[in-house]
N, C-alpha and C. Protein backbone atom coordinates (compact mmCIF):
# COMPACT_ATOMS: atom_id res chain seq x y z
N MET A 1 51.70 -20.29 -35.90
CA MET A 1 52.74 -19.28 -36.00
C MET A 1 53.46 -19.41 -37.31
N SER A 2 53.49 -18.37 -38.02
CA SER A 2 54.08 -18.38 -39.32
C SER A 2 55.57 -18.03 -39.27
N GLN A 3 56.37 -18.65 -40.04
CA GLN A 3 57.78 -18.43 -40.18
C GLN A 3 58.02 -17.31 -41.21
N GLN A 4 57.00 -16.92 -41.92
CA GLN A 4 57.13 -15.94 -42.96
C GLN A 4 56.87 -14.48 -42.48
N PRO A 5 57.64 -13.55 -42.98
CA PRO A 5 57.46 -12.16 -42.65
C PRO A 5 56.16 -11.58 -43.21
N ALA A 6 55.62 -10.58 -42.66
CA ALA A 6 54.43 -9.96 -43.25
C ALA A 6 54.82 -9.42 -44.63
N ILE A 7 53.83 -9.47 -45.51
CA ILE A 7 54.07 -9.05 -46.92
C ILE A 7 54.28 -7.49 -46.96
N ALA A 8 53.47 -6.79 -46.32
CA ALA A 8 53.54 -5.33 -46.32
C ALA A 8 53.62 -4.80 -44.90
N PRO A 9 54.44 -3.80 -44.62
CA PRO A 9 54.50 -3.29 -43.27
C PRO A 9 53.16 -2.70 -42.84
N VAL A 10 52.82 -2.86 -41.60
CA VAL A 10 51.60 -2.32 -41.10
C VAL A 10 51.87 -0.84 -40.74
N PRO A 11 51.10 0.12 -41.26
CA PRO A 11 51.42 1.52 -41.19
C PRO A 11 51.41 2.07 -39.77
N ASP A 12 50.63 1.52 -38.85
CA ASP A 12 50.47 2.11 -37.54
C ASP A 12 51.42 1.54 -36.47
N ARG A 13 52.47 0.84 -36.85
CA ARG A 13 53.41 0.26 -35.94
C ARG A 13 54.71 1.07 -35.94
N GLN A 14 55.38 1.16 -34.79
CA GLN A 14 56.69 1.76 -34.67
C GLN A 14 57.75 0.76 -34.84
N PRO A 15 58.75 1.01 -35.66
CA PRO A 15 59.82 -0.04 -35.80
C PRO A 15 60.62 -0.15 -34.55
N LEU A 16 61.27 -1.32 -34.35
CA LEU A 16 62.18 -1.59 -33.23
C LEU A 16 63.61 -1.40 -33.68
N ASP A 17 64.45 -1.13 -32.68
CA ASP A 17 65.82 -1.20 -33.10
C ASP A 17 66.36 -2.59 -33.23
N GLU A 18 67.52 -2.79 -33.79
CA GLU A 18 68.02 -4.19 -34.06
C GLU A 18 68.07 -5.06 -32.85
N HIS A 19 68.59 -4.42 -31.73
CA HIS A 19 68.77 -5.19 -30.45
C HIS A 19 67.39 -5.69 -29.92
N ALA A 20 66.43 -4.77 -29.92
CA ALA A 20 65.15 -5.16 -29.39
C ALA A 20 64.45 -6.20 -30.30
N ALA A 21 64.63 -6.09 -31.57
CA ALA A 21 64.02 -7.07 -32.49
C ALA A 21 64.72 -8.40 -32.31
N ALA A 22 66.03 -8.41 -32.17
CA ALA A 22 66.76 -9.68 -31.91
C ALA A 22 66.33 -10.31 -30.57
N SER A 23 66.12 -9.52 -29.54
CA SER A 23 65.65 -10.07 -28.30
C SER A 23 64.32 -10.67 -28.38
N ILE A 24 63.40 -10.05 -29.12
CA ILE A 24 62.01 -10.63 -29.29
C ILE A 24 62.07 -11.85 -30.07
N ARG A 25 62.91 -11.93 -31.14
CA ARG A 25 63.04 -13.16 -31.95
C ARG A 25 63.65 -14.30 -31.09
N ALA A 26 64.66 -14.02 -30.22
CA ALA A 26 65.19 -14.99 -29.33
C ALA A 26 64.12 -15.54 -28.31
N TYR A 27 63.36 -14.60 -27.76
CA TYR A 27 62.32 -15.02 -26.86
C TYR A 27 61.23 -15.91 -27.57
N ALA A 28 60.85 -15.52 -28.82
CA ALA A 28 59.90 -16.29 -29.57
C ALA A 28 60.49 -17.72 -29.85
N ALA A 29 61.74 -17.81 -30.21
CA ALA A 29 62.32 -19.12 -30.43
C ALA A 29 62.33 -19.94 -29.21
N ASP A 30 62.63 -19.36 -28.02
CA ASP A 30 62.62 -20.01 -26.79
C ASP A 30 61.26 -20.58 -26.50
N GLN A 31 60.21 -19.72 -26.68
CA GLN A 31 58.87 -20.19 -26.39
C GLN A 31 58.41 -21.25 -27.36
N ARG A 32 58.80 -21.11 -28.59
CA ARG A 32 58.47 -22.14 -29.64
C ARG A 32 59.08 -23.50 -29.23
N ALA A 33 60.36 -23.45 -28.75
CA ALA A 33 60.97 -24.70 -28.31
C ALA A 33 60.24 -25.32 -27.14
N ARG A 34 59.82 -24.50 -26.15
CA ARG A 34 59.06 -25.06 -25.03
C ARG A 34 57.77 -25.61 -25.50
N VAL A 35 57.08 -24.99 -26.38
CA VAL A 35 55.86 -25.52 -26.81
C VAL A 35 56.04 -26.84 -27.62
N ASP A 36 57.11 -26.92 -28.37
CA ASP A 36 57.44 -28.17 -29.12
C ASP A 36 57.69 -29.31 -28.13
N VAL A 37 58.33 -29.07 -26.98
CA VAL A 37 58.51 -30.03 -26.00
C VAL A 37 57.22 -30.52 -25.43
N LEU A 38 56.38 -29.58 -25.06
CA LEU A 38 55.05 -29.94 -24.56
C LEU A 38 54.24 -30.78 -25.56
N ALA A 39 54.31 -30.27 -26.80
CA ALA A 39 53.60 -31.01 -27.90
C ALA A 39 54.04 -32.47 -28.00
N SER A 40 55.37 -32.67 -27.91
CA SER A 40 55.90 -34.01 -28.03
C SER A 40 55.44 -34.96 -26.86
N VAL A 41 55.44 -34.35 -25.67
CA VAL A 41 54.99 -35.06 -24.50
C VAL A 41 53.46 -35.50 -24.66
N LEU A 42 52.68 -34.55 -25.08
CA LEU A 42 51.24 -34.84 -25.31
C LEU A 42 51.06 -35.92 -26.42
N GLU A 43 51.84 -35.82 -27.50
CA GLU A 43 51.74 -36.78 -28.53
C GLU A 43 52.17 -38.19 -28.07
N ASP A 44 53.19 -38.21 -27.21
CA ASP A 44 53.59 -39.50 -26.62
C ASP A 44 52.49 -40.15 -25.77
N ILE A 45 51.86 -39.25 -24.98
CA ILE A 45 50.73 -39.72 -24.17
C ILE A 45 49.61 -40.19 -25.03
N ALA A 46 49.32 -39.51 -26.04
CA ALA A 46 48.22 -39.97 -26.97
C ALA A 46 48.54 -41.26 -27.63
N GLU A 47 49.82 -41.48 -27.95
CA GLU A 47 50.23 -42.68 -28.66
C GLU A 47 50.35 -43.92 -27.70
N HIS A 48 50.89 -43.71 -26.47
CA HIS A 48 51.27 -44.80 -25.59
C HIS A 48 50.47 -44.87 -24.27
N GLY A 49 49.67 -43.83 -24.03
CA GLY A 49 48.96 -43.71 -22.82
C GLY A 49 49.66 -43.01 -21.70
N TYR A 50 49.12 -42.84 -20.55
CA TYR A 50 49.75 -42.15 -19.44
C TYR A 50 50.87 -42.98 -18.88
N PRO A 51 51.96 -42.36 -18.45
CA PRO A 51 53.02 -43.12 -17.74
C PRO A 51 52.58 -43.68 -16.40
N ALA A 52 53.17 -44.68 -16.01
CA ALA A 52 52.88 -45.28 -14.63
C ALA A 52 53.34 -44.26 -13.57
N ALA A 53 52.49 -44.21 -12.51
CA ALA A 53 52.84 -43.31 -11.43
C ALA A 53 54.20 -43.62 -10.79
N GLU A 54 54.55 -44.88 -10.73
CA GLU A 54 55.83 -45.27 -10.19
C GLU A 54 57.03 -44.73 -10.96
N SER A 55 56.85 -44.47 -12.23
CA SER A 55 58.01 -44.02 -13.10
C SER A 55 58.11 -42.53 -13.08
N GLY A 56 57.26 -41.84 -12.43
CA GLY A 56 57.28 -40.35 -12.41
C GLY A 56 58.18 -39.77 -11.32
N MET A 57 58.10 -38.46 -11.29
CA MET A 57 58.92 -37.71 -10.33
C MET A 57 58.00 -37.08 -9.30
N LEU A 58 58.29 -37.06 -8.05
CA LEU A 58 57.50 -36.38 -7.06
C LEU A 58 57.40 -34.92 -7.39
N TRP A 59 56.28 -34.34 -7.12
CA TRP A 59 56.03 -32.92 -7.53
C TRP A 59 56.99 -32.03 -6.74
N GLU A 60 57.33 -32.37 -5.53
CA GLU A 60 58.33 -31.56 -4.71
C GLU A 60 59.64 -31.55 -5.36
N ASP A 61 60.11 -32.67 -5.91
CA ASP A 61 61.37 -32.70 -6.60
C ASP A 61 61.33 -31.93 -7.87
N ALA A 62 60.26 -31.99 -8.65
CA ALA A 62 60.08 -31.24 -9.89
C ALA A 62 60.09 -29.74 -9.56
N ARG A 63 59.35 -29.37 -8.53
CA ARG A 63 59.29 -27.95 -8.11
C ARG A 63 60.63 -27.47 -7.74
N ASP A 64 61.38 -28.22 -6.92
CA ASP A 64 62.72 -27.76 -6.52
C ASP A 64 63.72 -27.62 -7.70
N ALA A 65 63.64 -28.61 -8.62
CA ALA A 65 64.48 -28.53 -9.79
C ALA A 65 64.10 -27.31 -10.60
N HIS A 66 62.82 -27.02 -10.76
CA HIS A 66 62.40 -25.85 -11.55
C HIS A 66 62.87 -24.60 -10.92
N LEU A 67 62.73 -24.46 -9.62
CA LEU A 67 63.12 -23.28 -8.85
C LEU A 67 64.62 -23.06 -8.99
N ALA A 68 65.44 -24.12 -8.96
CA ALA A 68 66.82 -24.03 -9.12
C ALA A 68 67.17 -23.53 -10.49
N ARG A 69 66.45 -24.02 -11.55
CA ARG A 69 66.71 -23.51 -12.92
C ARG A 69 66.37 -22.04 -12.99
N LEU A 70 65.27 -21.62 -12.38
CA LEU A 70 64.93 -20.20 -12.39
C LEU A 70 65.93 -19.33 -11.72
N ALA A 71 66.51 -19.83 -10.64
CA ALA A 71 67.53 -19.04 -9.91
C ALA A 71 68.78 -18.90 -10.71
N ASP A 72 69.07 -19.87 -11.58
CA ASP A 72 70.29 -19.79 -12.42
C ASP A 72 70.12 -18.91 -13.68
N GLU A 73 68.91 -18.58 -14.06
CA GLU A 73 68.68 -17.81 -15.26
C GLU A 73 69.06 -16.36 -15.08
N GLN A 74 69.37 -15.72 -16.19
CA GLN A 74 69.63 -14.34 -16.26
C GLN A 74 68.32 -13.58 -16.10
N PRO A 75 68.31 -12.44 -15.42
CA PRO A 75 67.03 -11.72 -15.33
C PRO A 75 66.64 -11.23 -16.74
N ARG A 76 65.39 -11.19 -16.97
CA ARG A 76 64.79 -10.72 -18.27
C ARG A 76 63.93 -9.55 -18.10
N VAL A 77 63.87 -8.72 -19.11
CA VAL A 77 63.01 -7.57 -19.11
C VAL A 77 61.80 -7.96 -19.97
N ALA A 78 60.63 -7.75 -19.48
CA ALA A 78 59.38 -8.08 -20.21
C ALA A 78 59.12 -7.05 -21.26
C-alpha cells in the first residue's frame, strides 16, 4: 500500500465529496493499524516461537471480549 497519491487522475472515476474521502481515509488508517498489529504478532512468533498454551486466553473469553467491543462501536456504513 502506497502512501503516495496517484500521479495523474484516472479519467473514468467519479470524485468523492470531502466527507466521503475523509471517511475512506479513516477506514484505511484503521485497517492499516490492524494489519500492523497482526504483522507484529506474526513477527514475534517467527522470532520467539509459539506462546505456551498456558499463557493464552480461552477462546470463549476472547470471543466475549470481541463481541463486547463490537457492541460498543458506532455503526458504520459500508
